[in-house]
Amino acid sequence: MGKVSGTCVVCGQSPTVRSHLFPRALIHRIRGAEKHVIEGDRDRAGVRLTQGGLWDDQLLCEVHEASLGAADDYAIRLSRRFEKSGTIAPSGTSYRLGNPQPELLLRFAYATIWRHVVSKHGASHALDLGPYRRKIEEYLFNGASLALEAIVGRSNVVDPHGNPIEVGIAPYKSKLYGWTIWLFTIGGFDFYIKTDQRPFPKAWQPFLVNDNDPLVLPLIDAMPLHQIEKFQPIFKQMLKR
């Protein structure tokens, strides 16, 4: 994690360090035995090969980067543990997984969105959290309270043969049954974080990350990656030379 002559967006101090927008360990899950992962972008023709995913070396100083480490580590461990101890609920409609520190999982979700939005990647894609950027910064770096409702589901992306595949999908703004959310996928999980004043329905309470242990992950029908409509512009760009 070499230091560079950037200025931390939180405290204005320099130098900054290389900040990976997704934890490298979760990108390595996608790589598997390969030397690189393949990145596609709707605003860039062709593909880019990378070992550790997107990063920004002019985002955070060493102190503020380190302050997010515990949440990153928790998400990494949770992802690994699901493979060993995740279980199907008796109803058959969800998975269950121990989540002894839900606050750390929420912190990871907020930090992941914030990193992507505030980074060079976010600037190039015109990502904007509006008033939630300041709220998330106050929570992450100044100890303020924050209770944005969040749901985590098991990623349902499969290859053309129906086999589950690991993908990383950078955060983007979307709608979930009318509620404004930010959605991203990493480590075999889909994260849905609500940036909307209206609460989720009470019936969704068991599926919230907020204060819930075990974590209940909705079981969603498998979806072939090549058929997901919102990714088609990215695939078209990846095929260009």
Protein backbone atom coordinates (compact mmCIF):
# COMPACT_ATOMS: atom_id res chain seq x y z
CA MET A 1 0.00 0.00 0.00
CA GLY A 2 2.45 2.63 -1.25
CA LYS A 3 2.00 6.29 -0.39
CA VAL A 4 1.46 8.91 -3.10
CA SER A 5 1.25 12.68 -3.16
CA GLY A 6 -2.54 12.94 -3.18
CA THR A 7 -4.78 14.66 -0.64
CA CYS A 8 -7.24 12.73 1.54
CA VAL A 9 -10.84 13.69 0.70
CA VAL A 10 -11.78 13.37 4.39
CA CYS A 11 -9.08 15.32 6.21
CA GLY A 12 -7.16 17.08 3.44
CA GLN A 13 -3.88 15.59 4.59
CA SER A 14 -1.25 13.99 2.40
CA PRO A 15 0.11 11.57 1.37
CA THR A 16 -2.65 9.20 0.32
CA VAL A 17 -2.46 5.43 -0.20
CA ARG A 18 -3.89 3.01 -2.72
CA SER A 19 -7.54 2.33 -1.83
CA HIS A 20 -9.15 -0.71 -3.43
CA LEU A 21 -12.82 0.00 -4.14
CA PHE A 22 -13.65 -3.65 -3.46
CA PRO A 23 -11.41 -5.60 -1.04
CA ARG A 24 -8.70 -7.40 -2.98
CA ALA A 25 -9.55 -10.71 -1.31
CA LEU A 26 -13.06 -10.59 -2.78
CA ILE A 27 -11.71 -9.79 -6.23
CA HIS A 28 -9.36 -12.75 -5.85
CA ARG A 29 -12.44 -14.94 -5.30
CA ILE A 30 -13.57 -13.92 -8.77
CA ARG A 31 -10.11 -14.58 -10.22
CA GLY A 32 -9.96 -18.10 -8.86
CA ALA A 33 -6.99 -19.84 -10.47
CA GLU A 34 -6.67 -17.20 -13.19
CA LYS A 35 -3.97 -14.52 -13.16
CA HIS A 36 -6.39 -11.68 -13.87
CA VAL A 37 -10.03 -10.70 -13.70
CA ILE A 38 -11.74 -9.17 -16.73
CA GLU A 39 -13.29 -5.73 -16.28
CA GLY A 40 -15.93 -4.23 -18.53
CA ASP A 41 -17.34 -0.71 -18.53
CA ARG A 42 -20.26 0.79 -20.40
CA ASP A 43 -18.14 3.91 -21.05
CA ARG A 44 -15.04 2.08 -22.30
CA ALA A 45 -14.57 -0.11 -25.36
CA GLY A 46 -12.87 -3.47 -24.93
CA VAL A 47 -11.82 -5.11 -21.67
CA ARG A 48 -9.19 -4.42 -19.04
CA LEU A 49 -7.25 -7.10 -17.18
CA THR A 50 -6.47 -6.50 -13.53
CA GLN A 51 -5.22 -8.49 -10.57
CA GLY A 52 -6.92 -6.65 -7.73
CA GLY A 53 -9.79 -4.68 -9.22
CA LEU A 54 -10.47 -0.95 -9.28
CA TRP A 55 -8.41 1.29 -7.02
CA ASP A 56 -7.76 4.96 -6.38
CA ASP A 57 -4.50 6.31 -4.96
CA GLN A 58 -5.79 9.84 -4.30
CA LEU A 59 -8.77 9.05 -2.10
CA LEU A 60 -7.75 8.40 1.52
CA CYS A 61 -4.76 8.87 3.78
CA GLU A 62 -3.32 5.87 5.61
CA VAL A 63 -5.25 6.58 8.82
CA HIS A 64 -8.67 6.86 7.18
CA GLU A 65 -8.03 3.89 4.88
CA ALA A 66 -7.11 1.77 7.91
CA SER A 67 -10.29 2.86 9.72
CA LEU A 68 -12.34 0.88 7.18
CA GLY A 69 -10.26 -2.28 7.48
CA ALA A 70 -12.30 -4.06 10.17
CA ALA A 71 -15.48 -3.82 8.09
CA ASP A 72 -13.70 -5.08 4.97
CA ASP A 73 -12.26 -8.03 6.92
CA TYR A 74 -15.68 -8.90 8.34
CA ALA A 75 -17.26 -9.03 4.87
CA ILE A 76 -14.39 -11.18 3.60
CA ARG A 77 -14.82 -13.65 6.48
CA LEU A 78 -18.60 -13.72 6.03
CA SER A 79 -18.22 -14.53 2.35
CA ARG A 80 -15.85 -17.41 3.10
CA ARG A 81 -18.01 -18.70 5.95
CA PHE A 82 -21.15 -18.89 3.83
CA GLU A 83 -19.61 -21.67 1.78
CA LYS A 84 -19.13 -23.75 4.94
CA SER A 85 -22.04 -22.85 7.21
CA GLY A 86 -24.77 -21.12 5.18
CA THR A 87 -28.01 -23.11 5.44
CA ILE A 88 -31.40 -23.14 3.73
CA ALA A 89 -34.21 -22.01 6.05
CA PRO A 90 -37.00 -24.54 6.80
CA SER A 91 -39.35 -22.56 4.53
CA GLY A 92 -37.00 -23.13 1.59
CA THR A 93 -37.26 -19.46 0.61
CA SER A 94 -34.07 -18.09 2.16
CA TYR A 95 -30.59 -18.83 3.41
CA ARG A 96 -29.43 -18.30 6.99
CA LEU A 97 -25.96 -17.29 8.07
CA GLY A 98 -24.60 -16.19 11.45
CA ASN A 99 -24.03 -12.43 11.54
CA PRO A 100 -22.64 -11.70 15.03
CA GLN A 101 -21.61 -8.13 14.16
CA PRO A 102 -24.25 -6.69 11.82
CA GLU A 103 -22.86 -3.20 12.41
CA LEU A 104 -19.64 -4.21 10.63
CA LEU A 105 -21.54 -5.58 7.63
CA LEU A 106 -23.51 -2.34 7.37
CA ARG A 107 -20.28 -0.39 7.66
CA PHE A 108 -18.81 -2.42 4.81
CA ALA A 109 -21.86 -1.73 2.64
CA TYR A 110 -21.81 2.02 3.31
CA ALA A 111 -18.03 2.23 2.81
CA THR A 112 -18.16 0.31 -0.47
CA ILE A 113 -20.75 2.66 -1.93
CA TRP A 114 -18.92 5.73 -0.61
CA ARG A 115 -15.55 4.62 -2.02
CA HIS A 116 -16.96 4.03 -5.48
CA VAL A 117 -18.94 7.28 -5.57
CA VAL A 118 -16.16 9.55 -4.27
CA SER A 119 -13.35 7.91 -6.26
CA LYS A 120 -12.15 8.67 -9.77
CA HIS A 121 -14.49 5.88 -10.91
CA GLY A 122 -17.45 7.73 -9.42
CA ALA A 123 -16.43 11.02 -10.96
CA SER A 124 -16.08 9.47 -14.43
CA HIS A 125 -19.54 7.89 -14.12
CA ALA A 126 -21.24 10.94 -12.56
CA LEU A 127 -22.21 8.98 -9.44
CA ASP A 128 -23.87 11.13 -6.78
CA LEU A 129 -25.11 10.25 -3.30
CA GLY A 130 -26.68 13.67 -2.80
CA PRO A 131 -27.12 14.49 0.93
CA TYR A 132 -26.31 10.88 1.84
CA ARG A 133 -22.65 11.37 0.98
CA ARG A 134 -22.17 13.68 3.96
CA LYS A 135 -24.23 11.43 6.24
CA ILE A 136 -22.18 8.38 5.31
CA GLU A 137 -18.90 10.28 5.76
CA GLU A 138 -19.96 11.44 9.22
CA TYR A 139 -20.80 7.86 10.14
CA LEU A 140 -17.65 6.27 8.69
CA PHE A 141 -15.11 8.78 9.90
CA ASN A 142 -16.62 10.86 12.72
CA GLY A 143 -18.67 8.35 14.71
CA ALA A 144 -22.11 9.74 13.84
CA SER A 145 -25.12 7.43 13.92
CA LEU A 146 -26.63 6.13 10.71
CA ALA A 147 -29.37 3.58 10.17
CA LEU A 148 -29.92 3.22 6.46
CA GLU A 149 -31.88 0.01 5.95
CA ALA A 150 -30.01 -2.66 4.03
CA ILE A 151 -30.79 -6.11 2.66
CA VAL A 152 -28.23 -8.72 1.62
CA GLY A 153 -29.18 -11.52 -0.73
CA ARG A 154 -27.25 -14.44 -2.16
CA SER A 155 -26.06 -13.56 -5.67
CA ASN A 156 -28.17 -15.43 -8.23
CA VAL A 157 -25.97 -14.97 -11.31
CA VAL A 158 -25.22 -18.15 -13.28
CA ASP A 159 -23.40 -19.03 -16.50
CA PRO A 160 -25.21 -20.34 -19.63
CA HIS A 161 -25.06 -23.86 -18.15
CA GLY A 162 -26.74 -22.82 -14.88
CA ASN A 163 -23.60 -22.89 -12.75
CA PRO A 164 -23.16 -20.09 -10.17
CA ILE A 165 -20.44 -17.62 -11.10
CA GLU A 166 -18.59 -14.99 -9.11
CA VAL A 167 -18.95 -11.42 -10.35
CA GLY A 168 -18.27 -7.97 -9.00
CA ILE A 169 -20.78 -5.29 -9.92
CA ALA A 170 -19.88 -1.75 -8.86
CA PRO A 171 -22.53 0.21 -6.90
CA TYR A 172 -25.22 1.95 -8.89
CA LYS A 173 -28.45 3.74 -8.06
CA SER A 174 -31.67 1.87 -8.77
CA LYS A 175 -35.21 1.18 -7.58
CA LEU A 176 -36.48 -1.72 -5.49
CA TYR A 177 -40.29 -1.83 -5.75
CA GLY A 178 -40.37 1.97 -5.74
CA TRP A 179 -37.75 2.60 -3.03
CA THR A 180 -34.50 4.31 -4.02
CA ILE A 181 -31.54 2.05 -3.33
CA TRP A 182 -27.88 1.57 -4.13
CA LEU A 183 -27.08 -1.94 -5.32
CA PHE A 184 -23.79 -3.78 -5.72
CA THR A 185 -22.58 -7.39 -5.93
CA ILE A 186 -19.40 -8.85 -4.48
CA GLY A 187 -18.27 -11.97 -2.62
CA GLY A 188 -21.30 -13.95 -3.75
CA PHE A 189 -23.74 -11.45 -2.20
CA ASP A 190 -26.07 -8.74 -3.50
CA PHE A 191 -26.22 -5.63 -1.29
CA TYR A 192 -29.27 -3.33 -1.37
CA ILE A 193 -28.89 -0.11 0.68
CA LYS A 194 -31.88 2.21 0.86
CA THR A 195 -31.33 5.94 0.39
CA ASP A 196 -34.97 6.89 0.75
CA GLN A 197 -36.86 8.53 3.61
CA ARG A 198 -39.66 5.95 3.50
CA PRO A 199 -39.11 2.78 5.55
CA PHE A 200 -39.21 -0.64 3.98
CA PRO A 201 -42.39 -2.67 4.67
CA LYS A 202 -42.52 -4.38 8.07
CA ALA A 203 -42.74 -7.74 6.29
CA TRP A 204 -39.17 -7.18 5.10
CA GLN A 205 -37.78 -6.79 8.63
CA PRO A 206 -36.42 -10.38 8.86
CA PHE A 207 -34.34 -9.75 5.73
CA LEU A 208 -32.67 -6.55 6.96
CA VAL A 209 -29.02 -6.57 7.94
CA ASN A 210 -29.77 -3.96 10.60
CA ASP A 211 -29.37 -5.64 14.02
CA ASN A 212 -30.20 -9.10 12.65
CA ASP A 213 -28.32 -12.25 13.63
CA PRO A 214 -28.58 -14.65 11.92
CA LEU A 215 -28.59 -12.97 8.56
CA VAL A 216 -31.55 -14.05 6.41
CA LEU A 217 -30.78 -13.90 2.69
CA PRO A 218 -33.70 -14.10 0.24
CA LEU A 219 -33.43 -17.03 -2.14
CA ILE A 220 -33.98 -15.68 -5.65
CA ASP A 221 -34.38 -17.58 -8.92
CA ALA A 222 -31.12 -18.00 -10.84
CA MET A 223 -30.44 -15.46 -13.58
CA PRO A 224 -28.04 -16.17 -16.50
CA LEU A 225 -25.50 -13.36 -16.71
CA HIS A 226 -25.75 -13.06 -20.50
CA GLN A 227 -29.52 -12.48 -20.24
CA ILE A 228 -29.47 -9.64 -17.69
CA GLU A 229 -30.78 -6.68 -19.67
CA LYS A 230 -29.04 -3.89 -17.74
CA PHE A 231 -25.63 -5.44 -18.49
CA GLN A 232 -26.08 -5.62 -22.26
CA PRO A 233 -24.48 -2.18 -22.94
CA ILE A 234 -21.41 -3.32 -20.99
CA PHE A 235 -21.17 -6.59 -22.92
CA LYS A 236 -21.42 -4.70 -26.23
CA GLN A 237 -18.58 -2.42 -25.19
CA MET A 238 -16.46 -5.38 -24.08
CA LEU A 239 -16.72 -6.91 -27.57
CA LYS A 240 -15.35 -3.78 -29.24
CA ARG A 241 -11.68 -3.45 -30.04
